């Protein structure tokens, strides 16, 4: 009963927030991650670029992350992680939401299909981003399945009929991963996050339980040996920048040809850090011209 009420309150809060937004013609982007860190890790740099142009971005954690730590769990951890992503969203200039589903227990059920459909409709999304349905973690995989299941249902009038259906299907995208089977991630879109990288790091710095404590894969030994202490914030931030610089730098190098195609030879070759996305064939299929409208920063860095 309590869980159902929390879900209802979350949905109502989201609807109220959206109802107060002006119909300003700006893009509306929603990103689904399985846990309170996934959407931030995969898309924060691009989210910052959208937000700086006045577009509306929401980062959604589909589960509450309540087993995602080596030392603590349950309600206190869920509350801690919800506070972390809220603080991160504030640094990024976006909105966050955590759904009331236990970490490790997400299933591609009818109930959850309707929930994801509802959240997308309430945000009136133009772009929807999530994991691919092939991943090491079952929650990640099932977020991808739910994304696919919602890609048509958001336009169907008589499912979740209490929320107005979308008359224009959003563009559905996958965030990047390194998995090879049944087929490797093949991006259609690459975004330079050079100019937003430091702000992304400011946001990720707030995700203490994951960024510095290692989440479910951490340990006391890892924290003591590998991570600068919380009392030395300068060293911590430098450590975080090295890790994420390598990660986003590797993504830029791997997809250099796509960056050159989208930015031109000179700008594309100069990109240091990138985030990349693959178009899901189940949603609207954007043309090359529409991709540049949906990602309106290819004349920037």
Protein backbone atom coordinates (compact mmCIF):
# COMPACT_ATOMS: atom_id res chain seq x y z
CA UNK A 1 0.00 0.00 0.00
CA UNK A 2 2.79 2.41 0.95
CA UNK A 3 4.67 1.60 -2.24
CA UNK A 4 1.58 2.23 -4.35
CA UNK A 5 0.96 5.56 -2.66
CA UNK A 6 4.58 6.62 -3.18
CA UNK A 7 4.32 5.75 -6.87
CA UNK A 8 1.08 7.74 -7.15
CA UNK A 9 2.61 10.75 -5.39
CA UNK A 10 5.66 10.60 -7.67
CA UNK A 11 3.46 10.54 -10.75
CA UNK A 12 1.31 13.39 -9.45
CA UNK A 13 4.38 15.44 -8.62
CA UNK A 14 5.74 14.89 -12.12
CA UNK A 15 2.41 15.87 -13.69
CA UNK A 16 2.19 19.02 -11.57
CA UNK A 17 5.71 20.03 -12.56
CA UNK A 18 4.93 19.51 -16.24
CA UNK A 19 1.60 21.32 -16.01
CA UNK A 20 3.44 24.42 -14.82
CA UNK A 21 5.88 24.40 -17.75
CA UNK A 22 5.06 26.83 -20.56
CA UNK A 23 4.40 25.51 -24.04
CA UNK A 24 7.55 27.25 -25.15
CA UNK A 25 8.44 25.23 -28.24
CA UNK A 26 11.60 23.87 -26.64
CA UNK A 27 12.62 20.22 -26.92
CA UNK A 28 11.56 17.80 -24.19
CA UNK A 29 14.02 15.00 -23.49
CA UNK A 30 13.62 12.12 -21.05
CA UNK A 31 16.39 9.65 -20.18
CA UNK A 32 15.74 6.37 -18.40
CA UNK A 33 18.51 4.67 -16.45
CA UNK A 34 18.05 1.51 -14.43
CA UNK A 35 19.52 2.96 -11.23
CA UNK A 36 20.19 6.38 -9.67
CA UNK A 37 23.42 7.05 -11.59
CA UNK A 38 22.92 5.36 -14.98
CA UNK A 39 21.16 8.18 -16.83
CA UNK A 40 23.63 10.65 -15.35
CA UNK A 41 26.67 8.59 -16.36
CA UNK A 42 25.47 8.03 -19.92
CA UNK A 43 23.99 11.38 -20.88
CA UNK A 44 24.90 14.19 -18.45
CA UNK A 45 27.21 15.99 -20.85
CA UNK A 46 24.60 16.10 -23.61
CA UNK A 47 21.88 16.94 -21.07
CA UNK A 48 23.85 20.01 -20.00
CA UNK A 49 24.11 21.17 -23.62
CA UNK A 50 20.35 20.85 -24.11
CA UNK A 51 19.64 22.59 -20.80
CA UNK A 52 21.93 25.52 -21.64
CA UNK A 53 19.79 26.15 -24.73
CA UNK A 54 16.62 26.18 -22.65
CA UNK A 55 15.41 22.69 -23.55
CA UNK A 56 13.80 20.52 -20.86
CA UNK A 57 15.59 17.36 -19.70
CA UNK A 58 14.46 14.79 -17.17
CA UNK A 59 16.71 11.98 -15.90
CA UNK A 60 14.66 9.05 -14.57
CA UNK A 61 15.92 6.21 -12.37
CA UNK A 62 13.60 3.28 -13.00
CA UNK A 63 14.59 1.53 -9.76
CA UNK A 64 15.41 3.16 -6.45
CA UNK A 65 18.89 1.68 -6.08
CA UNK A 66 18.20 0.18 -2.67
CA UNK A 67 20.72 -2.68 -2.96
CA UNK A 68 23.35 -0.76 -4.93
CA UNK A 69 26.02 -0.54 -2.25
CA UNK A 70 28.48 -2.89 -0.58
CA UNK A 71 27.84 -1.58 2.95
CA UNK A 72 24.23 -0.38 3.18
CA UNK A 73 20.85 -1.16 1.69
CA UNK A 74 17.11 -0.70 2.01
CA UNK A 75 15.18 2.49 2.57
CA UNK A 76 18.11 4.57 3.87
CA UNK A 77 20.17 3.78 0.77
CA UNK A 78 17.21 4.51 -1.53
CA UNK A 79 16.76 7.89 0.18
CA UNK A 80 20.48 8.60 -0.03
CA UNK A 81 20.64 7.84 -3.73
CA UNK A 82 17.49 9.86 -4.51
CA UNK A 83 19.15 12.82 -2.77
CA UNK A 84 22.33 12.25 -4.75
CA UNK A 85 20.62 12.33 -8.15
CA UNK A 86 18.57 15.38 -7.10
CA UNK A 87 21.80 17.19 -6.19
CA UNK A 88 23.38 16.03 -9.44
CA UNK A 89 20.38 17.27 -11.47
CA UNK A 90 20.66 20.68 -9.83
CA UNK A 91 24.30 20.93 -10.92
CA UNK A 92 23.37 19.88 -14.46
CA UNK A 93 20.35 22.19 -14.74
CA UNK A 94 17.88 19.34 -15.34
CA UNK A 95 15.08 17.49 -13.54
CA UNK A 96 15.34 14.08 -11.84
CA UNK A 97 12.83 11.41 -10.83
CA UNK A 98 13.25 8.07 -9.05
CA UNK A 99 10.53 5.46 -9.55
CA UNK A 100 9.40 3.27 -6.66
CA UNK A 101 10.72 -0.11 -7.85
CA UNK A 102 13.25 -2.17 -5.89
CA UNK A 103 16.77 -2.42 -7.27
CA UNK A 104 17.36 -5.85 -8.81
CA UNK A 105 13.65 -6.60 -9.12
CA UNK A 106 12.63 -4.79 -12.31
CA UNK A 107 10.57 -6.91 -14.71
CA UNK A 108 9.14 -6.08 -18.16
CA UNK A 109 5.60 -6.48 -16.83
CA UNK A 110 2.37 -4.95 -18.10
CA UNK A 111 2.28 -2.77 -14.98
CA UNK A 112 5.74 -1.39 -15.69
CA UNK A 113 5.00 -0.96 -19.40
CA UNK A 114 2.08 1.24 -18.43
CA UNK A 115 4.23 3.13 -15.91
CA UNK A 116 6.94 3.93 -18.46
CA UNK A 117 4.29 4.88 -21.03
CA UNK A 118 2.73 7.21 -18.46
CA UNK A 119 6.02 8.90 -17.54
CA UNK A 120 6.93 9.50 -21.19
CA UNK A 121 3.50 10.96 -21.94
CA UNK A 122 3.46 13.20 -18.89
CA UNK A 123 6.80 14.67 -19.97
CA UNK A 124 5.45 15.07 -23.53
CA UNK A 125 8.77 13.77 -24.77
CA UNK A 126 10.33 14.54 -28.12
CA UNK A 127 13.33 12.32 -27.37
CA UNK A 128 13.49 9.21 -25.15
CA UNK A 129 16.82 7.59 -24.24
CA UNK A 130 17.54 4.35 -22.37
CA UNK A 131 19.80 1.30 -22.20
CA UNK A 132 19.86 -1.25 -24.97
CA UNK A 133 18.12 -4.51 -23.99
CA UNK A 134 21.46 -6.40 -23.99
CA UNK A 135 23.49 -5.73 -20.88
CA UNK A 136 25.18 -7.38 -17.92
CA UNK A 137 22.52 -6.26 -15.44
CA UNK A 138 18.91 -7.50 -15.61
CA UNK A 139 17.57 -4.08 -14.59
CA UNK A 140 19.45 -2.49 -17.49
CA UNK A 141 18.15 -5.11 -19.94
CA UNK A 142 14.56 -4.71 -18.84
CA UNK A 143 14.70 -0.91 -19.03
CA UNK A 144 15.65 -1.45 -22.67
CA UNK A 145 12.75 -3.86 -23.19
CA UNK A 146 10.32 -1.43 -21.54
CA UNK A 147 11.63 1.35 -23.78
CA UNK A 148 10.90 -0.79 -26.82
CA UNK A 149 7.46 -1.77 -25.49
CA UNK A 150 6.55 1.89 -24.90
CA UNK A 151 7.83 3.08 -28.30
CA UNK A 152 4.47 2.41 -29.93
CA UNK A 153 2.17 2.43 -26.90
CA UNK A 154 2.79 6.11 -26.14
CA UNK A 155 0.74 6.89 -29.28
CA UNK A 156 -2.14 4.45 -28.59
CA UNK A 157 -5.17 6.32 -27.15
CA UNK A 158 -6.77 3.58 -25.07
CA UNK A 159 -3.83 2.30 -23.07
CA UNK A 160 -3.25 4.44 -19.95
CA UNK A 161 -6.21 6.53 -21.16
CA UNK A 162 -6.11 8.94 -18.22
CA UNK A 163 -2.94 10.53 -19.65
CA UNK A 164 -3.22 12.16 -23.10
CA UNK A 165 -1.49 10.06 -25.74
CA UNK A 166 1.30 11.52 -27.86
CA UNK A 167 0.16 12.47 -31.34
CA UNK A 168 3.75 12.47 -32.60
CA UNK A 169 5.94 9.51 -31.75
CA UNK A 170 9.19 10.55 -30.03
CA UNK A 171 12.60 9.58 -31.32
CA UNK A 172 13.77 6.68 -29.15
CA UNK A 173 17.52 6.28 -28.64
CA UNK A 174 19.87 3.85 -26.95
CA UNK A 175 22.78 5.05 -24.81
CA UNK A 176 26.21 3.56 -25.41
CA UNK A 177 27.60 0.25 -24.17
CA UNK A 178 30.38 -2.17 -25.05
CA UNK A 179 28.42 -5.40 -25.42
CA UNK A 180 28.86 -7.32 -28.66
CA UNK A 181 26.00 -9.84 -28.80
CA UNK A 182 23.56 -10.06 -30.49
CA UNK A 183 25.12 -7.02 -32.17
CA UNK A 184 27.43 -4.23 -30.97
CA UNK A 185 26.30 -0.72 -30.18
CA UNK A 186 26.28 1.20 -33.47
CA UNK A 187 25.81 4.94 -32.92
CA UNK A 188 23.98 7.24 -35.28
CA UNK A 189 24.66 10.33 -33.15
CA UNK A 190 27.88 11.51 -31.51
CA UNK A 191 27.99 14.62 -29.35
CA UNK A 192 31.07 16.54 -28.29
CA UNK A 193 30.84 17.17 -24.56
CA UNK A 194 34.13 19.07 -24.36
CA UNK A 195 32.35 22.26 -23.31
CA UNK A 196 30.07 20.54 -20.80
CA UNK A 197 32.51 17.96 -19.42
CA UNK A 198 33.45 19.90 -16.29
CA UNK A 199 29.79 20.53 -15.48
CA UNK A 200 29.09 16.81 -15.96
CA UNK A 201 31.85 16.11 -13.43
CA UNK A 202 30.28 18.62 -11.02
CA UNK A 203 27.09 16.56 -11.23
CA UNK A 204 28.78 13.16 -10.91
CA UNK A 205 30.69 14.45 -7.88
CA UNK A 206 27.34 14.45 -6.04
CA UNK A 207 26.87 10.69 -6.63
CA UNK A 208 29.12 9.81 -3.70
CA UNK A 209 27.83 6.29 -3.05
CA UNK A 210 28.63 5.28 -6.62
CA UNK A 211 31.34 7.61 -7.93
CA UNK A 212 33.59 7.38 -4.88
CA UNK A 213 32.41 4.35 -2.89
CA UNK A 214 32.01 1.96 -5.80
CA UNK A 215 28.34 1.12 -5.31
CA UNK A 216 27.54 -2.58 -5.10
CA UNK A 217 30.99 -3.49 -6.45
CA UNK A 218 32.94 -1.39 -3.94
CA UNK A 219 34.52 -2.38 -0.64
CA UNK A 220 36.18 -0.82 2.35
CA UNK A 221 39.55 -1.76 0.84
CA UNK A 222 38.69 -0.06 -2.48
CA UNK A 223 37.64 3.15 -0.76
CA UNK A 224 40.70 3.21 1.48
CA UNK A 225 43.24 2.26 -1.17
CA UNK A 226 42.05 3.68 -4.47
CA UNK A 227 39.91 6.76 -3.75
CA UNK A 228 41.13 10.06 -2.27
CA UNK A 229 39.40 10.84 1.03
CA UNK A 230 36.34 13.05 1.29
CA UNK A 231 38.45 15.55 3.24
CA UNK A 232 40.55 16.21 0.12
CA UNK A 233 37.96 17.38 -2.40
CA UNK A 234 40.56 18.68 -4.86
CA UNK A 235 42.20 15.26 -5.10
CA UNK A 236 38.81 13.56 -5.34
CA UNK A 237 37.70 15.72 -8.22
CA UNK A 238 41.01 15.19 -10.01
CA UNK A 239 40.64 11.42 -9.56
CA UNK A 240 37.08 11.58 -10.94
CA UNK A 241 38.23 13.66 -13.91
CA UNK A 242 40.96 11.16 -14.80
CA UNK A 243 38.48 8.28 -14.77
CA UNK A 244 35.80 10.04 -16.76
CA UNK A 245 38.26 11.75 -19.07
CA UNK A 246 39.54 8.32 -20.07
CA UNK A 247 36.01 7.00 -20.51
CA UNK A 248 34.63 9.87 -22.60
CA UNK A 249 37.94 10.21 -24.43
CA UNK A 250 37.81 6.57 -25.44
CA UNK A 251 34.27 7.06 -26.73
CA UNK A 252 35.42 10.01 -28.85
CA UNK A 253 38.31 8.04 -30.33
CA UNK A 254 36.20 4.96 -31.04
CA UNK A 255 33.62 6.98 -32.98
CA UNK A 256 35.93 9.62 -34.48
CA UNK A 257 34.62 9.08 -38.01
CA UNK A 258 31.05 9.82 -36.89
CA UNK A 259 32.19 12.97 -35.08
CA UNK A 260 33.90 14.14 -38.28
CA UNK A 261 30.77 13.37 -40.29
CA UNK A 262 28.58 15.41 -37.95
CA UNK A 263 30.93 18.27 -36.99
CA UNK A 264 33.13 18.49 -40.07
CA UNK A 265 36.78 17.55 -40.41
CA UNK A 266 38.41 20.23 -38.26
CA UNK A 267 35.94 20.26 -35.37
CA UNK A 268 35.39 16.51 -35.44
CA UNK A 269 39.10 15.76 -35.21
CA UNK A 270 39.49 18.18 -32.29
CA UNK A 271 36.80 16.63 -30.03
CA UNK A 272 38.30 15.23 -26.81
CA UNK A 273 35.21 13.87 -25.06
CA UNK A 274 32.01 12.42 -26.54
CA UNK A 275 28.68 10.80 -25.71
CA UNK A 276 27.03 8.66 -28.37
CA UNK A 277 23.53 7.35 -29.14
CA UNK A 278 21.92 4.79 -31.42
CA UNK A 279 18.47 5.26 -32.96
CA UNK A 280 15.96 2.61 -31.87
CA UNK A 281 14.11 1.41 -34.96
CA UNK A 282 10.83 1.10 -33.04
CA UNK A 283 10.23 4.83 -32.66
CA UNK A 284 10.28 7.68 -35.14
CA UNK A 285 13.20 7.40 -37.54
CA UNK A 286 14.79 10.85 -37.81
CA UNK A 287 16.50 12.06 -40.96
CA UNK A 288 20.01 13.49 -40.83
CA UNK A 289 18.49 16.97 -40.94
CA UNK A 290 16.14 16.19 -38.03
CA UNK A 291 18.99 14.77 -35.96
CA UNK A 292 20.69 18.17 -36.22
CA UNK A 293 17.46 19.83 -35.09
CA UNK A 294 17.10 17.47 -32.11
CA UNK A 295 20.78 17.89 -31.22
CA UNK A 296 21.10 21.61 -32.02
CA UNK A 297 24.73 22.12 -31.13
CA UNK A 298 26.81 20.84 -34.03
CA UNK A 299 28.10 24.34 -34.66
CA UNK A 300 29.46 24.32 -31.10
CA UNK A 301 32.00 22.18 -29.22
